[in-house]
Amino acid sequence: QVQLVESGGGLVQPGGSLRLSCTASGFDFNSYAMMWYRQAPGSEREFVAGIAKNDYIVNYADTVKDRFTISRDNAKSTAYLQMNSLKVDDTAVYYCNARSKAAGGDYWGQGIQVTVSS
């Protein structure tokens, strides 16, 4: 049974930091690229950051570049999103996504709320 479980969300003040985790099970984590998306109320889901299965290639949305860092620990089947200098506009539900064209898999977590507010 495939599962992606996000954790680490919550309420933080502007300028603060949070680290999201996404722990995977039920598939070969090492063979999948991992992405984070987010969806704010009334908005479309948008790409935030992605990391290739080999850990060498990462990319970010322009809105989070230089503030967010994506990483992965294949031994723990976990992906992370370190979020620094958080802004009110970062408030959203954050989703973890695992994708592999070769394996034919495209899996999503249930989402976790991040609220940036004073």
PDB file of N, CA and C in Angstrom:
ATOM      1  N   GLN A   1       0.855  -1.195   0.000  1.00  0.00           N
ATOM      2  CA  GLN A   1       0.000   0.000   0.000  1.00  0.00           C
ATOM      3  C   GLN A   1       0.885   1.237   0.000  1.00  0.00           C
ATOM      4  N   VAL A   2       0.698   2.067  -1.012  1.00  0.00           N
ATOM      5  CA  VAL A   2       1.497   3.285  -1.147  1.00  0.00           C
ATOM      6  C   VAL A   2       1.024   4.344  -0.161  1.00  0.00           C
ATOM      7  N   GLN A   3       1.979   4.938   0.519  1.00  0.00           N
ATOM      8  CA  GLN A   3       1.651   6.041   1.419  1.00  0.00           C
ATOM      9  C   GLN A   3       2.716   7.116   1.350  1.00  0.00           C
ATOM     10  N   LEU A   4       2.274   8.362   1.373  1.00  0.00           N
ATOM     11  CA  LEU A   4       3.137   9.528   1.555  1.00  0.00           C
ATOM     12  C   LEU A   4       2.539  10.306   2.713  1.00  0.00           C
ATOM     13  N   VAL A   5       3.320  10.470   3.774  1.00  0.00           N
ATOM     14  CA  VAL A   5       2.807  11.128   4.968  1.00  0.00           C
ATOM     15  C   VAL A   5       3.634  12.374   5.246  1.00  0.00           C
ATOM     16  N   GLU A   6       2.974  13.527   5.175  1.00  0.00           N
ATOM     17  CA  GLU A   6       3.640  14.795   5.459  1.00  0.00           C
ATOM     18  C   GLU A   6       3.561  15.122   6.943  1.00  0.00           C
ATOM     19  N   SER A   7       4.565  15.815   7.429  1.00  0.00           N
ATOM     20  CA  SER A   7       4.569  16.280   8.813  1.00  0.00           C
ATOM     21  C   SER A   7       5.400  17.561   8.887  1.00  0.00           C
ATOM     22  N   GLY A   8       5.263  18.267  10.008  1.00  0.00           N
ATOM     23  CA  GLY A   8       6.084  19.439  10.245  1.00  0.00           C
ATOM     24  C   GLY A   8       5.407  20.772   9.968  1.00  0.00           C
ATOM     25  N   GLY A   9       4.186  20.741   9.544  1.00  0.00           N
ATOM     26  CA  GLY A   9       3.484  21.995   9.280  1.00  0.00           C
ATOM     27  C   GLY A   9       3.042  22.684  10.563  1.00  0.00           C
ATOM     28  N   GLY A  10       2.366  23.819  10.406  1.00  0.00           N
ATOM     29  CA  GLY A  10       1.878  24.526  11.575  1.00  0.00           C
ATOM     30  C   GLY A  10       1.815  26.021  11.352  1.00  0.00           C
ATOM     31  N   LEU A  11       1.757  26.741  12.455  1.00  0.00           N
ATOM     32  CA  LEU A  11       1.660  28.200  12.451  1.00  0.00           C
ATOM     33  C   LEU A  11       3.021  28.795  12.792  1.00  0.00           C
ATOM     34  N   VAL A  12       3.450  29.762  11.991  1.00  0.00           N
ATOM     35  CA  VAL A  12       4.733  30.415  12.220  1.00  0.00           C
ATOM     36  C   VAL A  12       4.585  31.891  11.887  1.00  0.00           C
ATOM     37  N   GLN A  13       5.380  32.707  12.535  1.00  0.00           N
ATOM     38  CA  GLN A  13       5.348  34.150  12.260  1.00  0.00           C
ATOM     39  C   GLN A  13       6.137  34.473  10.999  1.00  0.00           C
ATOM     40  N   PRO A  14       5.815  35.560  10.350  1.00  0.00           N
ATOM     41  CA  PRO A  14       6.608  35.988   9.189  1.00  0.00           C
ATOM     42  C   PRO A  14       8.086  36.090   9.556  1.00  0.00           C
ATOM     43  N   GLY A  15       8.926  35.610   8.658  1.00  0.00           N
ATOM     44  CA  GLY A  15      10.359  35.579   8.913  1.00  0.00           C
ATOM     45  C   GLY A  15      10.834  34.306   9.575  1.00  0.00           C
ATOM     46  N   GLY A  16       9.913  33.488  10.027  1.00  0.00           N
ATOM     47  CA  GLY A  16      10.269  32.247  10.703  1.00  0.00           C
ATOM     48  C   GLY A  16      10.578  31.108   9.742  1.00  0.00           C
ATOM     49  N   SER A  17      10.809  29.939  10.328  1.00  0.00           N
ATOM     50  CA  SER A  17      11.190  28.751   9.551  1.00  0.00           C
ATOM     51  C   SER A  17      10.360  27.546   9.962  1.00  0.00           C
ATOM     52  N   LEU A  18      10.199  26.650   9.006  1.00  0.00           N
ATOM     53  CA  LEU A  18       9.591  25.344   9.250  1.00  0.00           C
ATOM     54  C   LEU A  18      10.300  24.333   8.367  1.00  0.00           C
ATOM     55  N   ARG A  19      10.300  23.086   8.806  1.00  0.00           N
ATOM     56  CA  ARG A  19      10.803  22.008   7.953  1.00  0.00           C
ATOM     57  C   ARG A  19       9.707  20.958   7.793  1.00  0.00           C
ATOM     58  N   LEU A  20       9.289  20.762   6.556  1.00  0.00           N
ATOM     59  CA  LEU A  20       8.316  19.722   6.250  1.00  0.00           C
ATOM     60  C   LEU A  20       9.042  18.428   5.921  1.00  0.00           C
ATOM     61  N   SER A  21       8.427  17.326   6.321  1.00  0.00           N
ATOM     62  CA  SER A  21       8.936  15.998   5.985  1.00  0.00           C
ATOM     63  C   SER A  21       7.857  15.222   5.242  1.00  0.00           C
ATOM     64  N   CYS A  22       8.294  14.354   4.355  1.00  0.00           N
ATOM     65  CA  CYS A  22       7.382  13.473   3.615  1.00  0.00           C
ATOM     66  C   CYS A  22       7.983  12.086   3.659  1.00  0.00           C
ATOM     67  N   THR A  23       7.367  11.195   4.412  1.00  0.00           N
ATOM     68  CA  THR A  23       7.871   9.846   4.554  1.00  0.00           C
ATOM     69  C   THR A  23       7.058   8.891   3.690  1.00  0.00           C
ATOM     70  N   ALA A  24       7.774   8.134   2.864  1.00  0.00           N
ATOM     71  CA  ALA A  24       7.131   7.271   1.875  1.00  0.00           C
ATOM     72  C   ALA A  24       7.201   5.811   2.271  1.00  0.00           C
ATOM     73  N   SER A  25       6.231   5.048   1.810  1.00  0.00           N
ATOM     74  CA  SER A  25       6.238   3.600   1.986  1.00  0.00           C
ATOM     75  C   SER A  25       5.408   2.965   0.888  1.00  0.00           C
ATOM     76  N   GLY A  26       5.692   1.697   0.613  1.00  0.00           N
ATOM     77  CA  GLY A  26       4.892   0.952  -0.351  1.00  0.00           C
ATOM     78  C   GLY A  26       5.388   1.020  -1.784  1.00  0.00           C
ATOM     79  N   PHE A  27       6.496   1.700  -2.035  1.00  0.00           N
ATOM     80  CA  PHE A  27       7.085   1.756  -3.366  1.00  0.00           C
ATOM     81  C   PHE A  27       8.580   2.016  -3.224  1.00  0.00           C
ATOM     82  N   ASP A  28       9.313   1.888  -4.328  1.00  0.00           N
ATOM     83  CA  ASP A  28      10.763   2.060  -4.310  1.00  0.00           C
ATOM     84  C   ASP A  28      11.100   3.551  -4.334  1.00  0.00           C
ATOM     85  N   PHE A  29      11.243   4.120  -3.165  1.00  0.00           N
ATOM     86  CA  PHE A  29      11.474   5.565  -3.034  1.00  0.00           C
ATOM     87  C   PHE A  29      12.673   6.016  -3.861  1.00  0.00           C
ATOM     88  N   ASN A  30      13.721   5.192  -3.886  1.00  0.00           N
ATOM     89  CA  ASN A  30      14.963   5.580  -4.574  1.00  0.00           C
ATOM     90  C   ASN A  30      14.762   5.807  -6.075  1.00  0.00           C
ATOM     91  N   SER A  31      13.696   5.273  -6.633  1.00  0.00           N
ATOM     92  CA  SER A  31      13.472   5.360  -8.080  1.00  0.00           C
ATOM     93  C   SER A  31      12.558   6.514  -8.475  1.00  0.00           C
ATOM     94  N   TYR A  32      12.156   7.306  -7.500  1.00  0.00           N
ATOM     95  CA  TYR A  32      11.166   8.349  -7.762  1.00  0.00           C
ATOM     96  C   TYR A  32      11.738   9.743  -7.528  1.00  0.00           C
ATOM     97  N   ALA A  33      11.398  10.664  -8.410  1.00  0.00           N
ATOM     98  CA  ALA A  33      11.609  12.072  -8.133  1.00  0.00           C
ATOM     99  C   ALA A  33      10.575  12.515  -7.093  1.00  0.00           C
ATOM    100  N   MET A  34      10.960  13.478  -6.292  1.00  0.00           N
ATOM    101  CA  MET A  34      10.071  13.972  -5.238  1.00  0.00           C
ATOM    102  C   MET A  34       9.829  15.460  -5.444  1.00  0.00           C
ATOM    103  N   MET A  35       8.601  15.860  -5.302  1.00  0.00           N
ATOM    104  CA  MET A  35       8.223  17.260  -5.476  1.00  0.00           C
ATOM    105  C   MET A  35       7.377  17.725  -4.302  1.00  0.00           C
ATOM    106  N   TRP A  36       7.386  19.012  -4.080  1.00  0.00           N
ATOM    107  CA  TRP A  36       6.454  19.668  -3.169  1.00  0.00           C
ATOM    108  C   TRP A  36       5.617  20.651  -3.982  1.00  0.00           C
ATOM    109  N   TYR A  37       4.327  20.620  -3.724  1.00  0.00           N
ATOM    110  CA  TYR A  37       3.385  21.571  -4.297  1.00  0.00           C
ATOM    111  C   TYR A  37       2.659  22.250  -3.145  1.00  0.00           C
ATOM    112  N   ARG A  38       1.960  23.328  -3.466  1.00  0.00           N
ATOM    113  CA  ARG A  38       1.136  23.975  -2.451  1.00  0.00           C
ATOM    114  C   ARG A  38      -0.119  24.547  -3.099  1.00  0.00           C
ATOM    115  N   GLN A  39      -1.126  24.704  -2.270  1.00  0.00           N
ATOM    116  CA  GLN A  39      -2.388  25.272  -2.748  1.00  0.00           C
ATOM    117  C   GLN A  39      -2.947  26.187  -1.680  1.00  0.00           C
ATOM    118  N   ALA A  40      -3.039  27.457  -2.042  1.00  0.00           N
ATOM    119  CA  ALA A  40      -3.630  28.448  -1.154  1.00  0.00           C
ATOM    120  C   ALA A  40      -5.134  28.508  -1.413  1.00  0.00           C
ATOM    121  N   PRO A  41      -5.909  28.985  -0.441  1.00  0.00           N
ATOM    122  CA  PRO A  41      -7.365  29.074  -0.632  1.00  0.00           C
ATOM    123  C   PRO A  41      -7.713  29.879  -1.868  1.00  0.00           C
ATOM    124  N   GLY A  42      -8.572  29.326  -2.717  1.00  0.00           N
ATOM    125  CA  GLY A  42      -9.009  30.032  -3.909  1.00  0.00           C
ATOM    126  C   GLY A  42      -8.010  30.034  -5.047  1.00  0.00           C
ATOM    127  N   SER A  43      -6.921  29.291  -4.903  1.00  0.00           N
ATOM    128  CA  SER A  43      -5.871  29.279  -5.933  1.00  0.00           C
ATOM    129  C   SER A  43      -5.643  27.867  -6.452  1.00  0.00           C
ATOM    130  N   GLU A  44      -4.984  27.801  -7.614  1.00  0.00           N
ATOM    131  CA  GLU A  44      -4.610  26.514  -8.175  1.00  0.00           C
ATOM    132  C   GLU A  44      -3.425  25.934  -7.397  1.00  0.00           C
ATOM    133  N   ARG A  45      -3.309  24.622  -7.445  1.00  0.00           N
ATOM    134  CA  ARG A  45      -2.129  23.993  -6.860  1.00  0.00           C
ATOM    135  C   ARG A  45      -0.914  24.386  -7.693  1.00  0.00           C
ATOM    136  N   GLU A  46       0.181  24.756  -7.038  1.00  0.00           N
ATOM    137  CA  GLU A  46       1.365  25.205  -7.754  1.00  0.00           C
ATOM    138  C   GLU A  46       2.606  24.453  -7.303  1.00  0.00           C
ATOM    139  N   PHE A  47       3.523  24.311  -8.230  1.00  0.00           N
ATOM    140  CA  PHE A  47       4.809  23.667  -7.954  1.00  0.00           C
ATOM    141  C   PHE A  47       5.648  24.548  -7.043  1.00  0.00           C
ATOM    142  N   VAL A  48       6.312  23.921  -6.074  1.00  0.00           N
ATOM    143  CA  VAL A  48       7.188  24.643  -5.161  1.00  0.00           C
ATOM    144  C   VAL A  48       8.652  24.251  -5.389  1.00  0.00           C
ATOM    145  N   ALA A  49       8.924  22.944  -5.335  1.00  0.00           N
ATOM    146  CA  ALA A  49      10.309  22.481  -5.454  1.00  0.00           C
ATOM    147  C   ALA A  49      10.318  21.011  -5.856  1.00  0.00           C
ATOM    148  N   GLY A  50      11.410  20.602  -6.508  1.00  0.00           N
ATOM    149  CA  GLY A  50      11.544  19.210  -6.910  1.00  0.00           C
ATOM    150  C   GLY A  50      12.975  18.742  -6.791  1.00  0.00           C
ATOM    151  N   ILE A  51      13.149  17.444  -6.570  1.00  0.00           N
ATOM    152  CA  ILE A  51      14.485  16.853  -6.471  1.00  0.00           C
ATOM    153  C   ILE A  51      14.465  15.526  -7.206  1.00  0.00           C
ATOM    154  N   ALA A  52      15.466  15.325  -8.057  1.00  0.00           N
ATOM    155  CA  ALA A  52      15.547  14.089  -8.836  1.00  0.00           C
ATOM    156  C   ALA A  52      15.877  12.909  -7.942  1.00  0.00           C
ATOM    157  N   LYS A  53      15.677  11.707  -8.464  1.00  0.00           N
ATOM    158  CA  LYS A  53      15.922  10.508  -7.667  1.00  0.00           C
ATOM    159  C   LYS A  53      17.381  10.387  -7.268  1.00  0.00           C
ATOM    160  N   ASN A  54      18.286  10.946  -8.080  1.00  0.00           N
ATOM    161  CA  ASN A  54      19.708  10.823  -7.781  1.00  0.00           C
ATOM    162  C   ASN A  54      20.230  11.935  -6.898  1.00  0.00           C
ATOM    163  N   ASP A  55      19.356  12.842  -6.486  1.00  0.00           N
ATOM    164  CA  ASP A  55      19.719  13.887  -5.525  1.00  0.00           C
ATOM    165  C   ASP A  55      20.589  14.986  -6.123  1.00  0.00           C
ATOM    166  N   TYR A  56      20.923  14.893  -7.401  1.00  0.00           N
ATOM    167  CA  TYR A  56      21.843  15.873  -7.974  1.00  0.00           C
ATOM    168  C   TYR A  56      21.127  17.045  -8.639  1.00  0.00           C
ATOM    169  N   ILE A  57      19.892  16.859  -8.989  1.00  0.00           N
ATOM    170  CA  ILE A  57      19.171  17.899  -9.702  1.00  0.00           C
ATOM    171  C   ILE A  57      18.005  18.375  -8.845  1.00  0.00           C
ATOM    172  N   VAL A  58      17.990  19.683  -8.592  1.00  0.00           N
ATOM    173  CA  VAL A  58      16.882  20.278  -7.855  1.00  0.00           C
ATOM    174  C   VAL A  58      16.384  21.481  -8.635  1.00  0.00           C
ATOM    175  N   ASN A  59      15.137  21.824  -8.441  1.00  0.00           N
ATOM    176  CA  ASN A  59      14.622  23.065  -9.024  1.00  0.00           C
ATOM    177  C   ASN A  59      13.544  23.637  -8.132  1.00  0.00           C
ATOM    178  N   TYR A  60      13.343  24.943  -8.271  1.00  0.00           N
ATOM    179  CA  TYR A  60      12.459  25.682  -7.389  1.00  0.00           C
ATOM    180  C   TYR A  60      11.591  26.654  -8.184  1.00  0.00           C
ATOM    181  N   ALA A  61      10.430  26.923  -7.641  1.00  0.00           N
ATOM    182  CA  ALA A  61       9.633  28.031  -8.161  1.00  0.00           C
ATOM    183  C   ALA A  61      10.357  29.332  -7.834  1.00  0.00           C
ATOM    184  N   ASP A  62      10.210  30.311  -8.692  1.00  0.00           N
ATOM    185  CA  ASP A  62      10.889  31.589  -8.472  1.00  0.00           C
ATOM    186  C   ASP A  62      10.475  32.231  -7.149  1.00  0.00           C
ATOM    187  N   THR A  63       9.251  31.975  -6.733  1.00  0.00           N
ATOM    188  CA  THR A  63       8.734  32.618  -5.520  1.00  0.00           C
ATOM    189  C   THR A  63       9.393  32.107  -4.240  1.00  0.00           C
ATOM    190  N   VAL A  64      10.053  30.946  -4.320  1.00  0.00           N
ATOM    191  CA  VAL A  64      10.655  30.370  -3.101  1.00  0.00           C
ATOM    192  C   VAL A  64      12.166  30.216  -3.217  1.00  0.00           C
ATOM    193  N   LYS A  65      12.696  30.485  -4.403  1.00  0.00           N
ATOM    194  CA  LYS A  65      14.136  30.321  -4.611  1.00  0.00           C
ATOM    195  C   LYS A  65      14.896  31.160  -3.594  1.00  0.00           C
ATOM    196  N   ASP A  66      15.971  30.610  -3.070  1.00  0.00           N
ATOM    197  CA  ASP A  66      16.834  31.263  -2.079  1.00  0.00           C
ATOM    198  C   ASP A  66      16.231  31.302  -0.688  1.00  0.00           C
ATOM    199  N   ARG A  67      15.010  30.801  -0.523  1.00  0.00           N
ATOM    200  CA  ARG A  67      14.407  30.730   0.817  1.00  0.00           C
ATOM    201  C   ARG A  67      14.107  29.282   1.212  1.00  0.00           C
ATOM    202  N   PHE A  68      13.738  28.469   0.237  1.00  0.00           N
ATOM    203  CA  PHE A  68      13.374  27.071   0.514  1.00  0.00           C
ATOM    204  C   PHE A  68      14.476  26.148  -0.011  1.00  0.00           C
ATOM    205  N   THR A  69      14.648  25.022   0.672  1.00  0.00           N
ATOM    206  CA  THR A  69      15.603  24.006   0.233  1.00  0.00           C
ATOM    207  C   THR A  69      14.957  22.637   0.289  1.00  0.00           C
ATOM    208  N   ILE A  70      14.992  21.942  -0.830  1.00  0.00           N
ATOM    209  CA  ILE A  70      14.474  20.577  -0.875  1.00  0.00           C
ATOM    210  C   ILE A  70      15.639  19.600  -0.757  1.00  0.00           C
ATOM    211  N   SER A  71      15.404  18.507  -0.061  1.00  0.00           N
ATOM    212  CA  SER A  71      16.425  17.473   0.075  1.00  0.00           C
ATOM    213  C   SER A  71      15.737  16.125   0.263  1.00  0.00           C
ATOM    214  N   ARG A  72      16.531  15.075   0.239  1.00  0.00           N
ATOM    215  CA  ARG A  72      15.974  13.743   0.446  1.00  0.00           C
ATOM    216  C   ARG A  72      16.996  12.852   1.131  1.00  0.00           C
ATOM    217  N   ASP A  73      16.486  11.877   1.875  1.00  0.00           N
ATOM    218  CA  ASP A  73      17.309  10.868   2.518  1.00  0.00           C
ATOM    219  C   ASP A  73      16.765   9.527   2.059  1.00  0.00           C
ATOM    220  N   ASN A  74      17.413   8.938   1.067  1.00  0.00           N
ATOM    221  CA  ASN A  74      16.893   7.693   0.495  1.00  0.00           C
ATOM    222  C   ASN A  74      16.905   6.553   1.504  1.00  0.00           C
ATOM    223  N   ALA A  75      17.845   6.567   2.446  1.00  0.00           N
ATOM    224  CA  ALA A  75      17.896   5.510   3.458  1.00  0.00           C
ATOM    225  C   ALA A  75      16.673   5.552   4.371  1.00  0.00           C
ATOM    226  N   LYS A  76      16.085   6.735   4.515  1.00  0.00           N
ATOM    227  CA  LYS A  76      14.899   6.893   5.366  1.00  0.00           C
ATOM    228  C   LYS A  76      13.615   7.020   4.546  1.00  0.00           C
ATOM    229  N   SER A  77      13.740   6.944   3.226  1.00  0.00           N
ATOM    230  CA  SER A  77      12.576   7.114   2.347  1.00  0.00           C
ATOM    231  C   SER A  77      11.812   8.391   2.682  1.00  0.00           C
ATOM    232  N   THR A  78      12.544   9.454   2.866  1.00  0.00           N
ATOM    233  CA  THR A  78      11.951  10.722   3.308  1.00  0.00           C
ATOM    234  C   THR A  78      12.485  11.882   2.488  1.00  0.00           C
ATOM    235  N   ALA A  79      11.589  12.764   2.114  1.00  0.00           N
ATOM    236  CA  ALA A  79      11.946  14.027   1.471  1.00  0.00           C
ATOM    237  C   ALA A  79      11.634  15.165   2.437  1.00  0.00           C
ATOM    238  N   TYR A  80      12.397  16.241   2.285  1.00  0.00           N
ATOM    239  CA  TYR A  80      12.255  17.371   3.207  1.00  0.00           C
ATOM    240  C   TYR A  80      12.080  18.659   2.408  1.00  0.00           C
ATOM    241  N   LEU A  81      11.452  19.629   3.061  1.00  0.00           N
ATOM    242  CA  LEU A  81      11.398  20.980   2.517  1.00  0.00           C
ATOM    243  C   LEU A  81      11.705  21.933   3.671  1.00  0.00           C
ATOM    244  N   GLN A  82      12.897  22.479   3.656  1.00  0.00           N
ATOM    245  CA  GLN A  82      13.277  23.479   4.648  1.00  0.00           C
ATOM    246  C   GLN A  82      12.812  24.839   4.147  1.00  0.00           C
ATOM    247  N   MET A  83      12.000  25.504   4.938  1.00  0.00           N
ATOM    248  CA  MET A  83      11.414  26.777   4.534  1.00  0.00           C
ATOM    249  C   MET A  83      11.888  27.870   5.498  1.00  0.00           C
ATOM    250  N   ASN A  84      12.641  28.805   4.975  1.00  0.00           N
ATOM    251  CA  ASN A  84      13.159  29.920   5.770  1.00  0.00           C
ATOM    252  C   ASN A  84      12.564  31.231   5.285  1.00  0.00           C
ATOM    253  N   SER A  85      12.695  32.257   6.097  1.00  0.00           N
ATOM    254  CA  SER A  85      12.201  33.594   5.742  1.00  0.00           C
ATOM    255  C   SER A  85      10.768  33.532   5.233  1.00  0.00           C
ATOM    256  N   LEU A  86       9.942  32.840   5.963  1.00  0.00           N
ATOM    257  CA  LEU A  86       8.564  32.618   5.506  1.00  0.00           C
ATOM    258  C   LEU A  86       7.789  33.923   5.443  1.00  0.00           C
ATOM    259  N   LYS A  87       6.914  33.987   4.441  1.00  0.00           N
ATOM    260  CA  LYS A  87       6.081  35.157   4.209  1.00  0.00           C
ATOM    261  C   LYS A  87       4.609  34.771   4.341  1.00  0.00           C
ATOM    262  N   VAL A  88       3.778  35.769   4.550  1.00  0.00           N
ATOM    263  CA  VAL A  88       2.343  35.507   4.645  1.00  0.00           C
ATOM    264  C   VAL A  88       1.849  34.787   3.380  1.00  0.00           C
ATOM    265  N   ASP A  89       2.409  35.156   2.246  1.00  0.00           N
ATOM    266  CA  ASP A  89       2.006  34.548   0.968  1.00  0.00           C
ATOM    267  C   ASP A  89       2.386  33.073   0.849  1.00  0.00           C
ATOM    268  N   ASP A  90       3.205  32.565   1.754  1.00  0.00           N
ATOM    269  CA  ASP A  90       3.552  31.138   1.746  1.00  0.00           C
ATOM    270  C   ASP A  90       2.470  30.295   2.408  1.00  0.00           C
ATOM    271  N   THR A  91       1.479  30.931   2.988  1.00  0.00           N
ATOM    272  CA  THR A  91       0.385  30.208   3.626  1.00  0.00           C
ATOM    273  C   THR A  91      -0.356  29.360   2.599  1.00  0.00           C
ATOM    274  N   ALA A  92      -0.452  28.061   2.880  1.00  0.00           N
ATOM    275  CA  ALA A  92      -1.086  27.139   1.938  1.00  0.00           C
ATOM    276  C   ALA A  92      -1.093  25.742   2.547  1.00  0.00           C
ATOM    277  N   VAL A  93      -1.805  24.850   1.883  1.00  0.00           N
ATOM    278  CA  VAL A  93      -1.660  23.426   2.162  1.00  0.00           C
ATOM    279  C   VAL A  93      -0.544  22.909   1.267  1.00  0.00           C
ATOM    280  N   TYR A  94       0.429  22.254   1.864  1.00  0.00           N
ATOM    281  CA  TYR A  94       1.588  21.745   1.125  1.00  0.00           C
ATOM    282  C   TYR A  94       1.427  20.243   0.904  1.00  0.00           C
ATOM    283  N   TYR A  95       1.688  19.832  -0.335  1.00  0.00           N
ATOM    284  CA  TYR A  95       1.532  18.441  -0.728  1.00  0.00           C
ATOM    285  C   TYR A  95       2.855  17.863  -1.206  1.00  0.00           C
ATOM    286  N   CYS A  96       3.102  16.650  -0.815  1.00  0.00           N
ATOM    287  CA  CYS A  96       4.243  15.881  -1.273  1.00  0.00           C
ATOM    288  C   CYS A  96       3.807  15.028  -2.464  1.00  0.00           C
ATOM    289  N   ASN A  97       4.671  14.948  -3.487  1.00  0.00           N
ATOM    290  CA  ASN A  97       4.365  14.172  -4.684  1.00  0.00           C
ATOM    291  C   ASN A  97       5.559  13.334  -5.077  1.00  0.00           C
ATOM    292  N   ALA A  98       5.334  12.064  -5.357  1.00  0.00           N
ATOM    293  CA  ALA A  98       6.374  11.152  -5.838  1.00  0.00           C
ATOM    294  C   ALA A  98       6.011  10.729  -7.249  1.00  0.00           C
ATOM    295  N   ARG A  99       6.977  10.828  -8.165  1.00  0.00           N
ATOM    296  CA  ARG A  99       6.660  10.562  -9.566  1.00  0.00           C
ATOM    297  C   ARG A  99       7.792   9.825 -10.255  1.00  0.00           C
ATOM    298  N   SER A 100       7.422   8.814 -11.058  1.00  0.00           N
ATOM    299  CA  SER A 100       8.398   8.091 -11.853  1.00  0.00           C
ATOM    300  C   SER A 100       7.770   7.684 -13.171  1.00  0.00           C
ATOM    301  N   LYS A 101       8.285   8.224 -14.266  1.00  0.00           N
ATOM    302  CA  LYS A 101       7.764   7.847 -15.576  1.00  0.00           C
ATOM    303  C   LYS A 101       8.089   6.393 -15.867  1.00  0.00           C
ATOM    304  N   ALA A 102       9.283   5.965 -15.511  1.00  0.00           N
ATOM    305  CA  ALA A 102       9.705   4.594 -15.781  1.00  0.00           C
ATOM    306  C   ALA A 102       8.853   3.579 -15.018  1.00  0.00           C
ATOM    307  N   ALA A 103       8.546   3.899 -13.770  1.00  0.00           N
ATOM    308  CA  ALA A 103       7.763   2.975 -12.948  1.00  0.00           C
ATOM    309  C   ALA A 103       6.263   3.173 -13.122  1.00  0.00           C
ATOM    310  N   GLY A 104       5.890   4.258 -13.788  1.00  0.00           N
ATOM    311  CA  GLY A 104       4.468   4.509 -14.001  1.00  0.00           C
ATOM    312  C   GLY A 104       3.730   4.934 -12.750  1.00  0.00           C
ATOM    313  N   GLY A 105       4.443   5.528 -11.784  1.00  0.00           N
ATOM    314  CA  GLY A 105       3.816   5.923 -10.532  1.00  0.00           C
ATOM    315  C   GLY A 105       3.706   7.431 -10.375  1.00  0.00           C
ATOM    316  N   ASP A 106       2.625   7.878  -9.765  1.00  0.00           N
ATOM    317  CA  ASP A 106       2.394   9.298  -9.486  1.00  0.00           C
ATOM    318  C   ASP A 106       1.550   9.347  -8.216  1.00  0.00           C
ATOM    319  N   TYR A 107       2.217   9.569  -7.071  1.00  0.00           N
ATOM    320  CA  TYR A 107       1.552   9.456  -5.777  1.00  0.00           C
ATOM    321  C   TYR A 107       1.567  10.789  -5.043  1.00  0.00           C
ATOM    322  N   TRP A 108       0.498  11.014  -4.260  1.00  0.00           N
ATOM    323  CA  TRP A 108       0.343  12.267  -3.521  1.00  0.00           C
ATOM    324  C   TRP A 108       0.105  11.996  -2.046  1.00  0.00           C
ATOM    325  N   GLY A 109       0.638  12.893  -1.207  1.00  0.00           N
ATOM    326  CA  GLY A 109       0.306  12.878   0.199  1.00  0.00           C
ATOM    327  C   GLY A 109      -1.027  13.555   0.433  1.00  0.00           C
ATOM    328  N   GLN A 110      -1.446  13.556   1.678  1.00  0.00           N
ATOM    329  CA  GLN A 110      -2.765  14.099   2.022  1.00  0.00           C
ATOM    330  C   GLN A 110      -2.729  15.616   2.205  1.00  0.00           C
ATOM    331  N   GLY A 111      -1.533  16.178   2.287  1.00  0.00           N
ATOM    332  CA  GLY A 111      -1.398  17.611   2.462  1.00  0.00           C
ATOM    333  C   GLY A 111      -1.254  18.004   3.924  1.00  0.00           C
ATOM    334  N   ILE A 112      -0.545  19.108   4.137  1.00  0.00           N
ATOM    335  CA  ILE A 112      -0.356  19.611   5.489  1.00  0.00           C
ATOM    336  C   ILE A 112      -0.411  21.133   5.457  1.00  0.00           C
ATOM    337  N   GLN A 113      -1.054  21.685   6.466  1.00  0.00           N
ATOM    338  CA  GLN A 113      -1.279  23.134   6.495  1.00  0.00           C
ATOM    339  C   GLN A 113      -0.038  23.857   7.018  1.00  0.00           C
ATOM    340  N   VAL A 114       0.329  24.911   6.310  1.00  0.00           N
ATOM    341  CA  VAL A 114       1.346  25.862   6.764  1.00  0.00           C
ATOM    342  C   VAL A 114       0.690  27.238   6.786  1.00  0.00           C
ATOM    343  N   THR A 115       0.716  27.862   7.934  1.00  0.00           N
ATOM    344  CA  THR A 115       0.116  29.188   8.088  1.00  0.00           C
ATOM    345  C   THR A 115       1.174  30.145   8.595  1.00  0.00           C
ATOM    346  N   VAL A 116       1.376  31.224   7.842  1.00  0.00           N
ATOM    347  CA  VAL A 116       2.340  32.257   8.221  1.00  0.00           C
ATOM    348  C   VAL A 116       1.545  33.503   8.590  1.00  0.00           C
ATOM    349  N   SER A 117       1.600  33.835   9.868  1.00  0.00           N
ATOM    350  CA  SER A 117       0.783  34.947  10.353  1.00  0.00           C
ATOM    351  C   SER A 117       1.371  35.504  11.639  1.00  0.00           C
ATOM    352  N   SER A 118       1.205  36.804  11.801  1.00  0.00           N
ATOM    353  CA  SER A 118       1.636  37.422  13.049  1.00  0.00           C
ATOM    354  C   SER A 118       0.483  37.466  14.040  1.00  0.00           C
TER     355      SER A 118
END
